C-alpha atoms as a PDB file:
ATOM      1  CA  MET A   1      42.959  65.155   3.809  1.00  0.00           C
ATOM      2  CA  SER A   2      39.666  66.823   4.521  1.00  0.00           C
ATOM      3  CA  GLY A   3      37.086  64.751   2.735  1.00  0.00           C
ATOM      4  CA  THR A   4      38.488  64.525  -0.778  1.00  0.00           C
ATOM      5  CA  SER A   5      40.603  67.683  -0.495  1.00  0.00           C
ATOM      6  CA  ILE A   6      44.342  67.603   0.181  1.00  0.00           C
ATOM      7  CA  VAL A   7      45.130  70.056   2.993  1.00  0.00           C
ATOM      8  CA  GLY A   8      48.767  69.164   3.694  1.00  0.00           C
ATOM      9  CA  GLY A   9      51.543  66.667   3.362  1.00  0.00           C
ATOM     10  CA  GLY A  10      55.116  65.934   4.257  1.00  0.00           C
ATOM     11  CA  VAL A  11      57.969  63.478   4.207  1.00  0.00           C
ATOM     12  CA  ILE A  12      57.619  60.677   6.748  1.00  0.00           C
ATOM     13  CA  GLY A  13      60.715  58.589   6.090  1.00  0.00           C
ATOM     14  CA  ASN A  14      61.975  55.438   4.452  1.00  0.00           C
ATOM     15  CA  PRO A  15      61.518  52.060   6.144  1.00  0.00           C
ATOM     16  CA  GLY A  16      64.430  50.602   4.165  1.00  0.00           C
ATOM     17  CA  PRO A  17      64.834  48.182   1.275  1.00  0.00           C
ATOM     18  CA  GLY A  18      63.503  45.193   3.209  1.00  0.00           C
ATOM     19  CA  PHE A  19      59.993  46.641   3.624  1.00  0.00           C
ATOM     20  CA  GLN A  20      57.112  47.731   1.429  1.00  0.00           C
ATOM     21  CA  PHE A  21      53.925  49.625   2.258  1.00  0.00           C
ATOM     22  CA  ALA A  22      51.067  47.305   3.288  1.00  0.00           C
ATOM     23  CA  GLY A  23      48.312  49.524   4.701  1.00  0.00           C
ATOM     24  CA  ILE A  24      47.106  52.316   6.947  1.00  0.00           C
ATOM     25  CA  ALA A  25      45.186  51.924  10.211  1.00  0.00           C
ATOM     26  CA  ASP A  26      44.871  53.518  13.636  1.00  0.00           C
ATOM     27  CA  LEU A  27      46.975  50.954  15.492  1.00  0.00           C
ATOM     28  CA  ASN A  28      47.374  52.765  18.811  1.00  0.00           C
ATOM     29  CA  GLY A  29      43.878  54.238  19.268  1.00  0.00           C
ATOM     30  CA  ASP A  30      44.840  57.935  18.996  1.00  0.00           C
ATOM     31  CA  ASN A  31      42.488  58.627  16.042  1.00  0.00           C
ATOM     32  CA  LYS A  32      45.473  59.201  13.727  1.00  0.00           C
ATOM     33  CA  SER A  33      46.602  57.077  10.805  1.00  0.00           C
ATOM     34  CA  ASP A  34      49.547  54.732  11.314  1.00  0.00           C
ATOM     35  CA  ILE A  35      51.465  52.820   8.634  1.00  0.00           C
ATOM     36  CA  VAL A  36      51.911  49.056   8.315  1.00  0.00           C
ATOM     37  CA  PHE A  37      54.819  47.653   6.308  1.00  0.00           C
ATOM     38  CA  LYS A  38      55.428  44.101   5.078  1.00  0.00           C
ATOM     39  CA  SER A  39      58.980  42.802   5.198  1.00  0.00           C
ATOM     40  CA  THR A  40      60.551  40.681   2.493  1.00  0.00           C
ATOM     41  CA  SER A  41      60.645  37.832   5.053  1.00  0.00           C
ATOM     42  CA  GLY A  42      56.830  37.968   5.344  1.00  0.00           C
ATOM     43  CA  GLY A  43      56.568  39.681   8.728  1.00  0.00           C
ATOM     44  CA  TYR A  44      54.979  43.042   9.433  1.00  0.00           C
ATOM     45  CA  ALA A  45      56.129  46.238  11.144  1.00  0.00           C
ATOM     46  CA  SER A  46      54.397  49.511  12.013  1.00  0.00           C
ATOM     47  CA  TRP A  47      55.021  53.196  12.434  1.00  0.00           C
ATOM     48  CA  HIS A  48      52.707  55.118  14.785  1.00  0.00           C
ATOM     49  CA  LEU A  49      52.294  58.650  13.453  1.00  0.00           C
ATOM     50  CA  ASN A  50      51.349  62.101  14.693  1.00  0.00           C
ATOM     51  CA  ASP A  51      50.775  63.853  11.373  1.00  0.00           C
ATOM     52  CA  THR A  52      54.150  63.247   9.623  1.00  0.00           C
ATOM     53  CA  GLN A  53      56.145  62.530  12.791  1.00  0.00           C
ATOM     54  CA  VAL A  54      56.909  58.917  13.725  1.00  0.00           C
ATOM     55  CA  ILE A  55      56.135  58.684  17.463  1.00  0.00           C
ATOM     56  CA  GLY A  56      56.509  54.935  17.936  1.00  0.00           C
ATOM     57  CA  GLY A  57      55.739  51.601  16.395  1.00  0.00           C
ATOM     58  CA  SER A  58      56.824  48.028  16.315  1.00  0.00           C
ATOM     59  CA  PRO A  59      59.758  46.669  14.316  1.00  0.00           C
ATOM     60  CA  ASN A  60      58.139  43.226  14.281  1.00  0.00           C
ATOM     61  CA  ILE A  61      54.375  42.780  14.561  1.00  0.00           C
ATOM     62  CA  GLY A  62      54.770  39.180  13.455  1.00  0.00           C
ATOM     63  CA  ASN A  63      53.926  36.927  10.556  1.00  0.00           C
ATOM     64  CA  PRO A  64      50.323  35.666  10.495  1.00  0.00           C
ATOM     65  CA  GLY A  65      51.145  33.022   7.879  1.00  0.00           C
ATOM     66  CA  THR A  66      50.264  32.536   4.246  1.00  0.00           C
ATOM     67  CA  ASN A  67      46.522  32.095   4.901  1.00  0.00           C
ATOM     68  CA  TRP A  68      46.202  35.739   6.050  1.00  0.00           C
ATOM     69  CA  SER A  69      46.605  39.095   4.309  1.00  0.00           C
ATOM     70  CA  ILE A  70      46.027  42.759   5.114  1.00  0.00           C
ATOM     71  CA  ILE A  71      42.880  44.253   3.614  1.00  0.00           C
ATOM     72  CA  GLY A  72      41.286  47.630   4.027  1.00  0.00           C
END
């Protein structure tokens, strides 16, 4: 994106049936968007991205409990 204009896109991948999209944030401080997924067990995982390439992440960020949720 550039402002409200779409300037590109691509296929990133599939986290599998046990996960659903939860949010986007810069998790590793590289000024690029990363993806957060929520697992069916309630935990969270992340993919660190460089454009559409997965360059790292965490298979288990943890489960903050039922009193917490991702917003943003």
